[in-house]
Amino acid sequence: MSSDSRQGPSRFKFRESTRTPLEVPATILIAGGEVQAKTANVSLGGVFISLPKPPPVGTMVKFALDLNEKAVRGFSEVVWIRPAQESLDRPVGMGLQFRHFLDDGEGALRLFLAEQLQNLEGT
């Protein structure tokens, strides 16, 4: 691994699915408080959320991602944190691994990411 300051359990396997660079509004619920944030990248397995004070690894987080006209909601776990900004494109925040989607969140996310990847390849 590079000089990345990720902190988290070694049992987590990074990059099992394609990450899509994507900044969308996110709402997260941590310890009873709702926080508005933005994503930096999203995959079918998880998301990186830019957040000045990420909670500890192992924290369960309820999330909602605003994907244009569809909100994808569910539950996730903080699997790693970046406690300090390393560069403009590597902000402070947390890596969440999706644990459970509500409604058809997984299907909606799969479709949205396929569209985003197609748009990226077309540019």
PDB file of N, CA and C in Angstrom:
ATOM      1  N   MET A   1       0.849  -1.185   0.000  1.00  0.00           N
ATOM      2  CA  MET A   1       0.000   0.000   0.000  1.00  0.00           C
ATOM      3  C   MET A   1       0.885   1.235   0.000  1.00  0.00           C
ATOM      4  N   SER A   2       0.422   2.307  -0.585  1.00  0.00           N
ATOM      5  CA  SER A   2       1.175   3.551  -0.651  1.00  0.00           C
ATOM      6  C   SER A   2       1.205   4.240   0.699  1.00  0.00           C
ATOM      7  N   SER A   3       1.548   5.514   0.688  1.00  0.00           N
ATOM      8  CA  SER A   3       1.623   6.257   1.942  1.00  0.00           C
ATOM      9  C   SER A   3       0.249   6.704   2.422  1.00  0.00           C
ATOM     10  N   ASP A   4      -0.795   6.132   1.902  1.00  0.00           N
ATOM     11  CA  ASP A   4      -2.163   6.442   2.292  1.00  0.00           C
ATOM     12  C   ASP A   4      -2.316   6.247   3.795  1.00  0.00           C
ATOM     13  N   SER A   5      -2.953   7.189   4.454  1.00  0.00           N
ATOM     14  CA  SER A   5      -3.090   7.115   5.912  1.00  0.00           C
ATOM     15  C   SER A   5      -4.398   6.454   6.323  1.00  0.00           C
ATOM     16  N   ARG A   6      -4.900   5.547   5.517  1.00  0.00           N
ATOM     17  CA  ARG A   6      -6.138   4.856   5.856  1.00  0.00           C
ATOM     18  C   ARG A   6      -5.967   4.108   7.153  1.00  0.00           C
ATOM     19  N   GLN A   7      -6.994   4.160   7.938  1.00  0.00           N
ATOM     20  CA  GLN A   7      -7.011   3.405   9.175  1.00  0.00           C
ATOM     21  C   GLN A   7      -8.226   2.501   9.136  1.00  0.00           C
ATOM     22  N   GLY A   8      -8.011   1.214   9.303  1.00  0.00           N
ATOM     23  CA  GLY A   8      -9.137   0.303   9.270  1.00  0.00           C
ATOM     24  C   GLY A   8      -8.674  -1.124   9.336  1.00  0.00           C
ATOM     25  N   PRO A   9      -9.615  -2.035   9.455  1.00  0.00           N
ATOM     26  CA  PRO A   9      -9.269  -3.439   9.604  1.00  0.00           C
ATOM     27  C   PRO A   9      -8.678  -4.014   8.327  1.00  0.00           C
ATOM     28  N   SER A  10      -7.725  -4.892   8.472  1.00  0.00           N
ATOM     29  CA  SER A  10      -7.080  -5.488   7.308  1.00  0.00           C
ATOM     30  C   SER A  10      -8.005  -6.477   6.609  1.00  0.00           C
ATOM     31  N   ARG A  11      -9.092  -6.911   7.272  1.00  0.00           N
ATOM     32  CA  ARG A  11     -10.008  -7.866   6.665  1.00  0.00           C
ATOM     33  C   ARG A  11     -10.797  -7.254   5.506  1.00  0.00           C
ATOM     34  N   PHE A  12     -10.854  -5.925   5.422  1.00  0.00           N
ATOM     35  CA  PHE A  12     -11.597  -5.262   4.351  1.00  0.00           C
ATOM     36  C   PHE A  12     -10.790  -5.315   3.069  1.00  0.00           C
ATOM     37  N   LYS A  13     -11.421  -5.753   1.983  1.00  0.00           N
ATOM     38  CA  LYS A  13     -10.765  -5.826   0.683  1.00  0.00           C
ATOM     39  C   LYS A  13     -11.154  -4.602  -0.135  1.00  0.00           C
ATOM     40  N   PHE A  14     -10.178  -3.775  -0.456  1.00  0.00           N
ATOM     41  CA  PHE A  14     -10.426  -2.561  -1.205  1.00  0.00           C
ATOM     42  C   PHE A  14     -10.618  -2.852  -2.681  1.00  0.00           C
ATOM     43  N   ARG A  15     -11.425  -2.023  -3.333  1.00  0.00           N
ATOM     44  CA  ARG A  15     -11.619  -2.013  -4.777  1.00  0.00           C
ATOM     45  C   ARG A  15     -12.110  -3.339  -5.355  1.00  0.00           C
ATOM     46  N   GLU A  16     -13.091  -3.940  -4.699  1.00  0.00           N
ATOM     47  CA  GLU A  16     -13.696  -5.145  -5.262  1.00  0.00           C
ATOM     48  C   GLU A  16     -14.631  -4.809  -6.414  1.00  0.00           C
ATOM     49  N   SER A  17     -15.088  -3.559  -6.484  1.00  0.00           N
ATOM     50  CA  SER A  17     -15.920  -3.132  -7.598  1.00  0.00           C
ATOM     51  C   SER A  17     -15.387  -1.797  -8.107  1.00  0.00           C
ATOM     52  N   THR A  18     -15.748  -1.463  -9.335  1.00  0.00           N
ATOM     53  CA  THR A  18     -15.225  -0.260  -9.981  1.00  0.00           C
ATOM     54  C   THR A  18     -15.722   0.989  -9.278  1.00  0.00           C
ATOM     55  N   ARG A  19     -14.795   1.847  -8.928  1.00  0.00           N
ATOM     56  CA  ARG A  19     -15.154   3.134  -8.329  1.00  0.00           C
ATOM     57  C   ARG A  19     -15.415   4.138  -9.431  1.00  0.00           C
ATOM     58  N   THR A  20     -16.458   4.915  -9.242  1.00  0.00           N
ATOM     59  CA  THR A  20     -16.796   5.969 -10.185  1.00  0.00           C
ATOM     60  C   THR A  20     -16.591   7.297  -9.487  1.00  0.00           C
ATOM     61  N   PRO A  21     -15.716   8.162 -10.025  1.00  0.00           N
ATOM     62  CA  PRO A  21     -15.571   9.481  -9.406  1.00  0.00           C
ATOM     63  C   PRO A  21     -16.909  10.207  -9.529  1.00  0.00           C
ATOM     64  N   LEU A  22     -17.472  10.566  -8.412  1.00  0.00           N
ATOM     65  CA  LEU A  22     -18.821  11.113  -8.435  1.00  0.00           C
ATOM     66  C   LEU A  22     -19.063  11.931  -7.184  1.00  0.00           C
ATOM     67  N   GLU A  23     -19.433  13.186  -7.384  1.00  0.00           N
ATOM     68  CA  GLU A  23     -19.761  14.054  -6.260  1.00  0.00           C
ATOM     69  C   GLU A  23     -21.263  14.291  -6.262  1.00  0.00           C
ATOM     70  N   VAL A  24     -21.943  13.662  -5.302  1.00  0.00           N
ATOM     71  CA  VAL A  24     -23.384  13.845  -5.149  1.00  0.00           C
ATOM     72  C   VAL A  24     -23.675  14.124  -3.681  1.00  0.00           C
ATOM     73  N   PRO A  25     -24.774  14.807  -3.406  1.00  0.00           N
ATOM     74  CA  PRO A  25     -25.146  15.051  -2.015  1.00  0.00           C
ATOM     75  C   PRO A  25     -25.430  13.742  -1.279  1.00  0.00           C
ATOM     76  N   ALA A  26     -24.999  13.693  -0.040  1.00  0.00           N
ATOM     77  CA  ALA A  26     -25.246  12.530   0.805  1.00  0.00           C
ATOM     78  C   ALA A  26     -25.728  13.007   2.169  1.00  0.00           C
ATOM     79  N   THR A  27     -26.661  12.272   2.713  1.00  0.00           N
ATOM     80  CA  THR A  27     -27.109  12.509   4.076  1.00  0.00           C
ATOM     81  C   THR A  27     -26.744  11.277   4.875  1.00  0.00           C
ATOM     82  N   ILE A  28     -26.088  11.478   5.999  1.00  0.00           N
ATOM     83  CA  ILE A  28     -25.721  10.350   6.841  1.00  0.00           C
ATOM     84  C   ILE A  28     -26.237  10.590   8.249  1.00  0.00           C
ATOM     85  N   LEU A  29     -26.600   9.510   8.889  1.00  0.00           N
ATOM     86  CA  LEU A  29     -27.115   9.558  10.245  1.00  0.00           C
ATOM     87  C   LEU A  29     -26.118   8.834  11.132  1.00  0.00           C
ATOM     88  N   ILE A  30     -25.473   9.598  12.009  1.00  0.00           N
ATOM     89  CA  ILE A  30     -24.461   9.047  12.903  1.00  0.00           C
ATOM     90  C   ILE A  30     -24.835   9.423  14.332  1.00  0.00           C
ATOM     91  N   ALA A  31     -24.937   8.423  15.190  1.00  0.00           N
ATOM     92  CA  ALA A  31     -25.225   8.640  16.613  1.00  0.00           C
ATOM     93  C   ALA A  31     -26.416   9.582  16.811  1.00  0.00           C
ATOM     94  N   GLY A  32     -27.453   9.371  16.021  1.00  0.00           N
ATOM     95  CA  GLY A  32     -28.674  10.143  16.187  1.00  0.00           C
ATOM     96  C   GLY A  32     -28.662  11.500  15.520  1.00  0.00           C
ATOM     97  N   GLY A  33     -27.522  11.930  14.954  1.00  0.00           N
ATOM     98  CA  GLY A  33     -27.454  13.232  14.305  1.00  0.00           C
ATOM     99  C   GLY A  33     -27.347  13.100  12.802  1.00  0.00           C
ATOM    100  N   GLU A  34     -28.072  13.958  12.095  1.00  0.00           N
ATOM    101  CA  GLU A  34     -28.048  13.937  10.637  1.00  0.00           C
ATOM    102  C   GLU A  34     -26.989  14.909  10.142  1.00  0.00           C
ATOM    103  N   VAL A  35     -26.171  14.462   9.193  1.00  0.00           N
ATOM    104  CA  VAL A  35     -25.086  15.274   8.651  1.00  0.00           C
ATOM    105  C   VAL A  35     -25.212  15.307   7.130  1.00  0.00           C
ATOM    106  N   GLN A  36     -25.094  16.505   6.557  1.00  0.00           N
ATOM    107  CA  GLN A  36     -25.079  16.664   5.104  1.00  0.00           C
ATOM    108  C   GLN A  36     -23.633  16.628   4.645  1.00  0.00           C
ATOM    109  N   ALA A  37     -23.354  15.866   3.595  1.00  0.00           N
ATOM    110  CA  ALA A  37     -21.984  15.717   3.100  1.00  0.00           C
ATOM    111  C   ALA A  37     -22.022  15.525   1.591  1.00  0.00           C
ATOM    112  N   LYS A  38     -20.869  15.231   1.015  1.00  0.00           N
ATOM    113  CA  LYS A  38     -20.763  14.933  -0.424  1.00  0.00           C
ATOM    114  C   LYS A  38     -19.914  13.681  -0.600  1.00  0.00           C
ATOM    115  N   THR A  39     -20.220  12.948  -1.659  1.00  0.00           N
ATOM    116  CA  THR A  39     -19.405  11.789  -1.996  1.00  0.00           C
ATOM    117  C   THR A  39     -18.220  12.255  -2.837  1.00  0.00           C
ATOM    118  N   ALA A  40     -17.170  11.437  -2.869  1.00  0.00           N
ATOM    119  CA  ALA A  40     -16.038  11.678  -3.767  1.00  0.00           C
ATOM    120  C   ALA A  40     -15.996  10.596  -4.834  1.00  0.00           C
ATOM    121  N   ASN A  41     -16.362   9.374  -4.445  1.00  0.00           N
ATOM    122  CA  ASN A  41     -16.483   8.280  -5.407  1.00  0.00           C
ATOM    123  C   ASN A  41     -17.467   7.267  -4.865  1.00  0.00           C
ATOM    124  N   VAL A  42     -18.058   6.520  -5.796  1.00  0.00           N
ATOM    125  CA  VAL A  42     -19.099   5.557  -5.440  1.00  0.00           C
ATOM    126  C   VAL A  42     -18.860   4.278  -6.238  1.00  0.00           C
ATOM    127  N   SER A  43     -19.112   3.142  -5.615  1.00  0.00           N
ATOM    128  CA  SER A  43     -19.085   1.854  -6.303  1.00  0.00           C
ATOM    129  C   SER A  43     -20.283   1.050  -5.814  1.00  0.00           C
ATOM    130  N   LEU A  44     -20.476  -0.131  -6.377  1.00  0.00           N
ATOM    131  CA  LEU A  44     -21.566  -0.986  -5.902  1.00  0.00           C
ATOM    132  C   LEU A  44     -21.297  -1.497  -4.491  1.00  0.00           C
ATOM    133  N   GLY A  45     -20.037  -1.484  -4.083  1.00  0.00           N
ATOM    134  CA  GLY A  45     -19.685  -1.993  -2.758  1.00  0.00           C
ATOM    135  C   GLY A  45     -19.638  -0.951  -1.667  1.00  0.00           C
ATOM    136  N   GLY A  46     -19.504   0.323  -2.053  1.00  0.00           N
ATOM    137  CA  GLY A  46     -19.389   1.339  -1.024  1.00  0.00           C
ATOM    138  C   GLY A  46     -19.188   2.728  -1.607  1.00  0.00           C
ATOM    139  N   VAL A  47     -18.849   3.650  -0.715  1.00  0.00           N
ATOM    140  CA  VAL A  47     -18.753   5.053  -1.093  1.00  0.00           C
ATOM    141  C   VAL A  47     -17.719   5.738  -0.204  1.00  0.00           C
ATOM    142  N   PHE A  48     -17.045   6.741  -0.762  1.00  0.00           N
ATOM    143  CA  PHE A  48     -16.205   7.606   0.064  1.00  0.00           C
ATOM    144  C   PHE A  48     -16.978   8.884   0.299  1.00  0.00           C
ATOM    145  N   ILE A  49     -17.122   9.251   1.568  1.00  0.00           N
ATOM    146  CA  ILE A  49     -17.837  10.460   1.970  1.00  0.00           C
ATOM    147  C   ILE A  49     -16.819  11.444   2.537  1.00  0.00           C
ATOM    148  N   SER A  50     -16.765  12.648   1.959  1.00  0.00           N
ATOM    149  CA  SER A  50     -15.924  13.711   2.511  1.00  0.00           C
ATOM    150  C   SER A  50     -16.605  14.237   3.765  1.00  0.00           C
ATOM    151  N   LEU A  51     -15.894  14.174   4.870  1.00  0.00           N
ATOM    152  CA  LEU A  51     -16.470  14.574   6.156  1.00  0.00           C
ATOM    153  C   LEU A  51     -15.339  15.022   7.068  1.00  0.00           C
ATOM    154  N   PRO A  52     -15.420  16.249   7.630  1.00  0.00           N
ATOM    155  CA  PRO A  52     -14.314  16.765   8.433  1.00  0.00           C
ATOM    156  C   PRO A  52     -13.955  15.916   9.665  1.00  0.00           C
ATOM    157  N   LYS A  53     -14.953  15.316  10.295  1.00  0.00           N
ATOM    158  CA  LYS A  53     -14.696  14.512  11.494  1.00  0.00           C
ATOM    159  C   LYS A  53     -15.378  13.148  11.338  1.00  0.00           C
ATOM    160  N   PRO A  54     -14.740  12.240  10.597  1.00  0.00           N
ATOM    161  CA  PRO A  54     -15.370  10.931  10.397  1.00  0.00           C
ATOM    162  C   PRO A  54     -15.436  10.132  11.695  1.00  0.00           C
ATOM    163  N   PRO A  55     -16.481   9.330  11.845  1.00  0.00           N
ATOM    164  CA  PRO A  55     -16.600   8.489  13.040  1.00  0.00           C
ATOM    165  C   PRO A  55     -15.591   7.342  12.970  1.00  0.00           C
ATOM    166  N   PRO A  56     -15.391   6.643  14.067  1.00  0.00           N
ATOM    167  CA  PRO A  56     -14.415   5.557  14.096  1.00  0.00           C
ATOM    168  C   PRO A  56     -14.794   4.382  13.190  1.00  0.00           C
ATOM    169  N   VAL A  57     -13.772   3.660  12.779  1.00  0.00           N
ATOM    170  CA  VAL A  57     -13.964   2.432  12.015  1.00  0.00           C
ATOM    171  C   VAL A  57     -14.870   1.505  12.825  1.00  0.00           C
ATOM    172  N   GLY A  58     -15.802   0.856  12.125  1.00  0.00           N
ATOM    173  CA  GLY A  58     -16.744  -0.049  12.773  1.00  0.00           C
ATOM    174  C   GLY A  58     -18.088   0.582  13.072  1.00  0.00           C
ATOM    175  N   THR A  59     -18.189   1.913  12.955  1.00  0.00           N
ATOM    176  CA  THR A  59     -19.447   2.610  13.211  1.00  0.00           C
ATOM    177  C   THR A  59     -20.451   2.280  12.113  1.00  0.00           C
ATOM    178  N   MET A  60     -21.670   1.946  12.497  1.00  0.00           N
ATOM    179  CA  MET A  60     -22.747   1.722  11.527  1.00  0.00           C
ATOM    180  C   MET A  60     -23.374   3.079  11.191  1.00  0.00           C
ATOM    181  N   VAL A  61     -23.622   3.291   9.905  1.00  0.00           N
ATOM    182  CA  VAL A  61     -24.102   4.582   9.417  1.00  0.00           C
ATOM    183  C   VAL A  61     -25.299   4.361   8.502  1.00  0.00           C
ATOM    184  N   LYS A  62     -26.377   5.069   8.756  1.00  0.00           N
ATOM    185  CA  LYS A  62     -27.510   5.075   7.832  1.00  0.00           C
ATOM    186  C   LYS A  62     -27.210   6.155   6.800  1.00  0.00           C
ATOM    187  N   PHE A  63     -27.450   5.863   5.513  1.00  0.00           N
ATOM    188  CA  PHE A  63     -27.089   6.815   4.470  1.00  0.00           C
ATOM    189  C   PHE A  63     -28.230   7.019   3.481  1.00  0.00           C
ATOM    190  N   ALA A  64     -28.162   8.153   2.797  1.00  0.00           N
ATOM    191  CA  ALA A  64     -29.026   8.446   1.655  1.00  0.00           C
ATOM    192  C   ALA A  64     -28.170   9.184   0.643  1.00  0.00           C
ATOM    193  N   LEU A  65     -28.119   8.674  -0.580  1.00  0.00           N
ATOM    194  CA  LEU A  65     -27.390   9.314  -1.667  1.00  0.00           C
ATOM    195  C   LEU A  65     -28.403   9.890  -2.642  1.00  0.00           C
ATOM    196  N   ASP A  66     -28.234  11.142  -3.013  1.00  0.00           N
ATOM    197  CA  ASP A  66     -29.149  11.812  -3.935  1.00  0.00           C
ATOM    198  C   ASP A  66     -28.637  11.627  -5.356  1.00  0.00           C
ATOM    199  N   LEU A  67     -29.147  10.612  -6.040  1.00  0.00           N
ATOM    200  CA  LEU A  67     -28.717  10.305  -7.404  1.00  0.00           C
ATOM    201  C   LEU A  67     -29.736  10.859  -8.387  1.00  0.00           C
ATOM    202  N   ASN A  68     -29.624  12.134  -8.661  1.00  0.00           N
ATOM    203  CA  ASN A  68     -30.559  12.848  -9.521  1.00  0.00           C
ATOM    204  C   ASN A  68     -31.970  12.747  -8.962  1.00  0.00           C
ATOM    205  N   GLU A  69     -32.842  12.011  -9.608  1.00  0.00           N
ATOM    206  CA  GLU A  69     -34.239  11.953  -9.166  1.00  0.00           C
ATOM    207  C   GLU A  69     -34.524  10.775  -8.246  1.00  0.00           C
ATOM    208  N   LYS A  70     -33.503  10.012  -7.892  1.00  0.00           N
ATOM    209  CA  LYS A  70     -33.690   8.818  -7.062  1.00  0.00           C
ATOM    210  C   LYS A  70     -32.774   8.902  -5.840  1.00  0.00           C
ATOM    211  N   ALA A  71     -33.345   8.709  -4.669  1.00  0.00           N
ATOM    212  CA  ALA A  71     -32.547   8.631  -3.450  1.00  0.00           C
ATOM    213  C   ALA A  71     -32.286   7.162  -3.146  1.00  0.00           C
ATOM    214  N   VAL A  72     -31.019   6.823  -2.988  1.00  0.00           N
ATOM    215  CA  VAL A  72     -30.637   5.464  -2.615  1.00  0.00           C
ATOM    216  C   VAL A  72     -30.335   5.499  -1.125  1.00  0.00           C
ATOM    217  N   ARG A  73     -31.048   4.660  -0.369  1.00  0.00           N
ATOM    218  CA  ARG A  73     -30.916   4.668   1.092  1.00  0.00           C
ATOM    219  C   ARG A  73     -30.557   3.280   1.595  1.00  0.00           C
ATOM    220  N   GLY A  74     -29.913   3.275   2.758  1.00  0.00           N
ATOM    221  CA  GLY A  74     -29.594   1.994   3.366  1.00  0.00           C
ATOM    222  C   GLY A  74     -28.683   2.146   4.569  1.00  0.00           C
ATOM    223  N   PHE A  75     -28.016   1.051   4.893  1.00  0.00           N
ATOM    224  CA  PHE A  75     -27.127   0.994   6.042  1.00  0.00           C
ATOM    225  C   PHE A  75     -25.734   0.597   5.580  1.00  0.00           C
ATOM    226  N   SER A  76     -24.724   1.162   6.224  1.00  0.00           N
ATOM    227  CA  SER A  76     -23.344   0.893   5.857  1.00  0.00           C
ATOM    228  C   SER A  76     -22.475   0.888   7.107  1.00  0.00           C
ATOM    229  N   GLU A  77     -21.222   0.509   6.908  1.00  0.00           N
ATOM    230  CA  GLU A  77     -20.259   0.468   8.007  1.00  0.00           C
ATOM    231  C   GLU A  77     -19.019   1.258   7.607  1.00  0.00           C
ATOM    232  N   VAL A  78     -18.499   2.041   8.534  1.00  0.00           N
ATOM    233  CA  VAL A  78     -17.233   2.734   8.306  1.00  0.00           C
ATOM    234  C   VAL A  78     -16.136   1.679   8.330  1.00  0.00           C
ATOM    235  N   VAL A  79     -15.453   1.500   7.197  1.00  0.00           N
ATOM    236  CA  VAL A  79     -14.413   0.476   7.126  1.00  0.00           C
ATOM    237  C   VAL A  79     -13.013   1.073   7.079  1.00  0.00           C
ATOM    238  N   TRP A  80     -12.907   2.349   6.768  1.00  0.00           N
ATOM    239  CA  TRP A  80     -11.620   3.038   6.870  1.00  0.00           C
ATOM    240  C   TRP A  80     -11.868   4.532   6.927  1.00  0.00           C
ATOM    241  N   ILE A  81     -10.891   5.250   7.471  1.00  0.00           N
ATOM    242  CA  ILE A  81     -10.977   6.712   7.530  1.00  0.00           C
ATOM    243  C   ILE A  81      -9.678   7.317   7.017  1.00  0.00           C
ATOM    244  N   ARG A  82      -9.809   8.518   6.482  1.00  0.00           N
ATOM    245  CA  ARG A  82      -8.649   9.336   6.141  1.00  0.00           C
ATOM    246  C   ARG A  82      -8.720  10.528   7.087  1.00  0.00           C
ATOM    247  N   PRO A  83      -7.917  10.516   8.158  1.00  0.00           N
ATOM    248  CA  PRO A  83      -8.035  11.526   9.204  1.00  0.00           C
ATOM    249  C   PRO A  83      -7.489  12.900   8.844  1.00  0.00           C
ATOM    250  N   ALA A  84      -6.687  12.984   7.769  1.00  0.00           N
ATOM    251  CA  ALA A  84      -6.120  14.274   7.370  1.00  0.00           C
ATOM    252  C   ALA A  84      -6.162  14.379   5.850  1.00  0.00           C
ATOM    253  N   GLN A  85      -6.380  15.614   5.362  1.00  0.00           N
ATOM    254  CA  GLN A  85      -6.388  15.827   3.914  1.00  0.00           C
ATOM    255  C   GLN A  85      -4.978  15.647   3.383  1.00  0.00           C
ATOM    256  N   GLU A  86      -4.847  14.829   2.345  1.00  0.00           N
ATOM    257  CA  GLU A  86      -3.536  14.556   1.760  1.00  0.00           C
ATOM    258  C   GLU A  86      -3.274  15.413   0.533  1.00  0.00           C
ATOM    259  N   SER A  87      -4.336  15.801  -0.163  1.00  0.00           N
ATOM    260  CA  SER A  87      -4.253  16.682  -1.332  1.00  0.00           C
ATOM    261  C   SER A  87      -5.681  17.125  -1.639  1.00  0.00           C
ATOM    262  N   LEU A  88      -5.838  17.968  -2.651  1.00  0.00           N
ATOM    263  CA  LEU A  88      -7.181  18.452  -2.984  1.00  0.00           C
ATOM    264  C   LEU A  88      -8.114  17.324  -3.377  1.00  0.00           C
ATOM    265  N   ASP A  89      -7.580  16.288  -4.031  1.00  0.00           N
ATOM    266  CA  ASP A  89      -8.431  15.173  -4.449  1.00  0.00           C
ATOM    267  C   ASP A  89      -8.418  14.013  -3.446  1.00  0.00           C
ATOM    268  N   ARG A  90      -7.838  14.227  -2.266  1.00  0.00           N
ATOM    269  CA  ARG A  90      -7.817  13.200  -1.213  1.00  0.00           C
ATOM    270  C   ARG A  90      -8.185  13.862   0.128  1.00  0.00           C
ATOM    271  N   PRO A  91      -9.476  14.232   0.248  1.00  0.00           N
ATOM    272  CA  PRO A  91      -9.928  14.964   1.441  1.00  0.00           C
ATOM    273  C   PRO A  91     -10.099  14.062   2.664  1.00  0.00           C
ATOM    274  N   VAL A  92     -10.278  14.701   3.791  1.00  0.00           N
ATOM    275  CA  VAL A  92     -10.629  14.001   5.027  1.00  0.00           C
ATOM    276  C   VAL A  92     -11.976  13.331   4.799  1.00  0.00           C
ATOM    277  N   GLY A  93     -12.153  12.148   5.332  1.00  0.00           N
ATOM    278  CA  GLY A  93     -13.440  11.487   5.191  1.00  0.00           C
ATOM    279  C   GLY A  93     -13.387  10.032   5.562  1.00  0.00           C
ATOM    280  N   MET A  94     -14.373   9.287   5.043  1.00  0.00           N
ATOM    281  CA  MET A  94     -14.498   7.882   5.439  1.00  0.00           C
ATOM    282  C   MET A  94     -14.948   7.028   4.271  1.00  0.00           C
ATOM    283  N   GLY A  95     -14.491   5.803   4.289  1.00  0.00           N
ATOM    284  CA  GLY A  95     -14.935   4.812   3.333  1.00  0.00           C
ATOM    285  C   GLY A  95     -16.025   3.980   3.976  1.00  0.00           C
ATOM    286  N   LEU A  96     -17.191   3.970   3.356  1.00  0.00           N
ATOM    287  CA  LEU A  96     -18.315   3.187   3.857  1.00  0.00           C
ATOM    288  C   LEU A  96     -18.498   1.955   2.984  1.00  0.00           C
ATOM    289  N   GLN A  97     -18.717   0.824   3.603  1.00  0.00           N
ATOM    290  CA  GLN A  97     -19.074  -0.385   2.865  1.00  0.00           C
ATOM    291  C   GLN A  97     -20.575  -0.590   3.050  1.00  0.00           C
ATOM    292  N   PHE A  98     -21.282  -0.718   1.921  1.00  0.00           N
ATOM    293  CA  PHE A  98     -22.717  -0.914   1.995  1.00  0.00           C
ATOM    294  C   PHE A  98     -23.012  -2.263   2.649  1.00  0.00           C
ATOM    295  N   ARG A  99     -23.971  -2.266   3.588  1.00  0.00           N
ATOM    296  CA  ARG A  99     -24.388  -3.495   4.256  1.00  0.00           C
ATOM    297  C   ARG A  99     -25.798  -3.920   3.867  1.00  0.00           C
ATOM    298  N   HIS A 100     -26.693  -2.929   3.667  1.00  0.00           N
ATOM    299  CA  HIS A 100     -28.085  -3.244   3.335  1.00  0.00           C
ATOM    300  C   HIS A 100     -28.710  -2.038   2.653  1.00  0.00           C
ATOM    301  N   PHE A 101     -29.375  -2.273   1.523  1.00  0.00           N
ATOM    302  CA  PHE A 101     -30.100  -1.221   0.814  1.00  0.00           C
ATOM    303  C   PHE A 101     -31.580  -1.315   1.153  1.00  0.00           C
ATOM    304  N   LEU A 102     -32.233  -0.171   1.207  1.00  0.00           N
ATOM    305  CA  LEU A 102     -33.682  -0.126   1.396  1.00  0.00           C
ATOM    306  C   LEU A 102     -34.348  -0.049   0.024  1.00  0.00           C
ATOM    307  N   ASP A 103     -35.567  -0.551  -0.049  1.00  0.00           N
ATOM    308  CA  ASP A 103     -36.334  -0.561  -1.293  1.00  0.00           C
ATOM    309  C   ASP A 103     -35.498  -1.221  -2.392  1.00  0.00           C
ATOM    310  N   ASP A 104     -35.444  -0.620  -3.564  1.00  0.00           N
ATOM    311  CA  ASP A 104     -34.617  -1.165  -4.650  1.00  0.00           C
ATOM    312  C   ASP A 104     -33.360  -0.320  -4.814  1.00  0.00           C
ATOM    313  N   GLY A 105     -32.754   0.055  -3.701  1.00  0.00           N
ATOM    314  CA  GLY A 105     -31.578   0.912  -3.739  1.00  0.00           C
ATOM    315  C   GLY A 105     -30.417   0.325  -4.508  1.00  0.00           C
ATOM    316  N   GLU A 106     -30.178  -0.970  -4.347  1.00  0.00           N
ATOM    317  CA  GLU A 106     -29.054  -1.589  -5.042  1.00  0.00           C
ATOM    318  C   GLU A 106     -29.261  -1.564  -6.555  1.00  0.00           C
ATOM    319  N   GLY A 107     -30.466  -1.871  -7.000  1.00  0.00           N
ATOM    320  CA  GLY A 107     -30.764  -1.840  -8.429  1.00  0.00           C
ATOM    321  C   GLY A 107     -30.653  -0.426  -8.992  1.00  0.00           C
ATOM    322  N   ALA A 108     -31.154   0.549  -8.252  1.00  0.00           N
ATOM    323  CA  ALA A 108     -31.082   1.941  -8.697  1.00  0.00           C
ATOM    324  C   ALA A 108     -29.626   2.409  -8.767  1.00  0.00           C
ATOM    325  N   LEU A 109     -28.828   2.012  -7.789  1.00  0.00           N
ATOM    326  CA  LEU A 109     -27.412   2.387  -7.794  1.00  0.00           C
ATOM    327  C   LEU A 109     -26.683   1.719  -8.954  1.00  0.00           C
ATOM    328  N   ARG A 110     -26.975   0.450  -9.183  1.00  0.00           N
ATOM    329  CA  ARG A 110     -26.341  -0.283 -10.295  1.00  0.00           C
ATOM    330  C   ARG A 110     -26.633   0.415 -11.633  1.00  0.00           C
ATOM    331  N   LEU A 111     -27.886   0.771 -11.874  1.00  0.00           N
ATOM    332  CA  LEU A 111     -28.283   1.447 -13.107  1.00  0.00           C
ATOM    333  C   LEU A 111     -27.618   2.819 -13.223  1.00  0.00           C
ATOM    334  N   PHE A 112     -27.637   3.573 -12.141  1.00  0.00           N
ATOM    335  CA  PHE A 112     -27.042   4.914 -12.145  1.00  0.00           C
ATOM    336  C   PHE A 112     -25.545   4.844 -12.440  1.00  0.00           C
ATOM    337  N   LEU A 113     -24.829   3.918 -11.801  1.00  0.00           N
ATOM    338  CA  LEU A 113     -23.384   3.801 -12.024  1.00  0.00           C
ATOM    339  C   LEU A 113     -23.074   3.348 -13.448  1.00  0.00           C
ATOM    340  N   ALA A 114     -23.884   2.459 -13.997  1.00  0.00           N
ATOM    341  CA  ALA A 114     -23.683   2.023 -15.380  1.00  0.00           C
ATOM    342  C   ALA A 114     -23.815   3.223 -16.321  1.00  0.00           C
ATOM    343  N   GLU A 115     -24.792   4.077 -16.066  1.00  0.00           N
ATOM    344  CA  GLU A 115     -24.978   5.275 -16.887  1.00  0.00           C
ATOM    345  C   GLU A 115     -23.788   6.221 -16.739  1.00  0.00           C
ATOM    346  N   GLN A 116     -23.310   6.397 -15.501  1.00  0.00           N
ATOM    347  CA  GLN A 116     -22.175   7.286 -15.260  1.00  0.00           C
ATOM    348  C   GLN A 116     -20.915   6.776 -15.952  1.00  0.00           C
ATOM    349  N   LEU A 117     -20.666   5.466 -15.866  1.00  0.00           N
ATOM    350  CA  LEU A 117     -19.487   4.886 -16.519  1.00  0.00           C
ATOM    351  C   LEU A 117     -19.578   5.031 -18.039  1.00  0.00           C
ATOM    352  N   GLN A 118     -20.776   4.850 -18.569  1.00  0.00           N
ATOM    353  CA  GLN A 118     -20.978   5.003 -20.009  1.00  0.00           C
ATOM    354  C   GLN A 118     -20.681   6.449 -20.423  1.00  0.00           C
ATOM    355  N   ASN A 119     -21.140   7.408 -19.620  1.00  0.00           N
ATOM    356  CA  ASN A 119     -20.882   8.829 -19.901  1.00  0.00           C
ATOM    357  C   ASN A 119     -19.393   9.137 -19.835  1.00  0.00           C
ATOM    358  N   LEU A 120     -18.680   8.554 -18.857  1.00  0.00           N
ATOM    359  CA  LEU A 120     -17.246   8.786 -18.727  1.00  0.00           C
ATOM    360  C   LEU A 120     -16.483   8.214 -19.908  1.00  0.00           C
ATOM    361  N   GLU A 121     -16.905   7.048 -20.379  1.00  0.00           N
ATOM    362  CA  GLU A 121     -16.234   6.415 -21.510  1.00  0.00           C
ATOM    363  C   GLU A 121     -16.503   7.157 -22.806  1.00  0.00           C
ATOM    364  N   GLY A 122     -17.626   7.836 -22.877  1.00  0.00           N
ATOM    365  CA  GLY A 122     -17.990   8.567 -24.085  1.00  0.00           C
ATOM    366  C   GLY A 122     -17.321   9.930 -24.204  1.00  0.00           C
ATOM    367  N   THR A 123     -16.646  10.383 -23.146  1.00  0.00           N
ATOM    368  CA  THR A 123     -16.013  11.709 -23.200  1.00  0.00           C
ATOM    369  C   THR A 123     -14.577  11.636 -23.600  1.00  0.00           C
TER     370      THR A 123
END
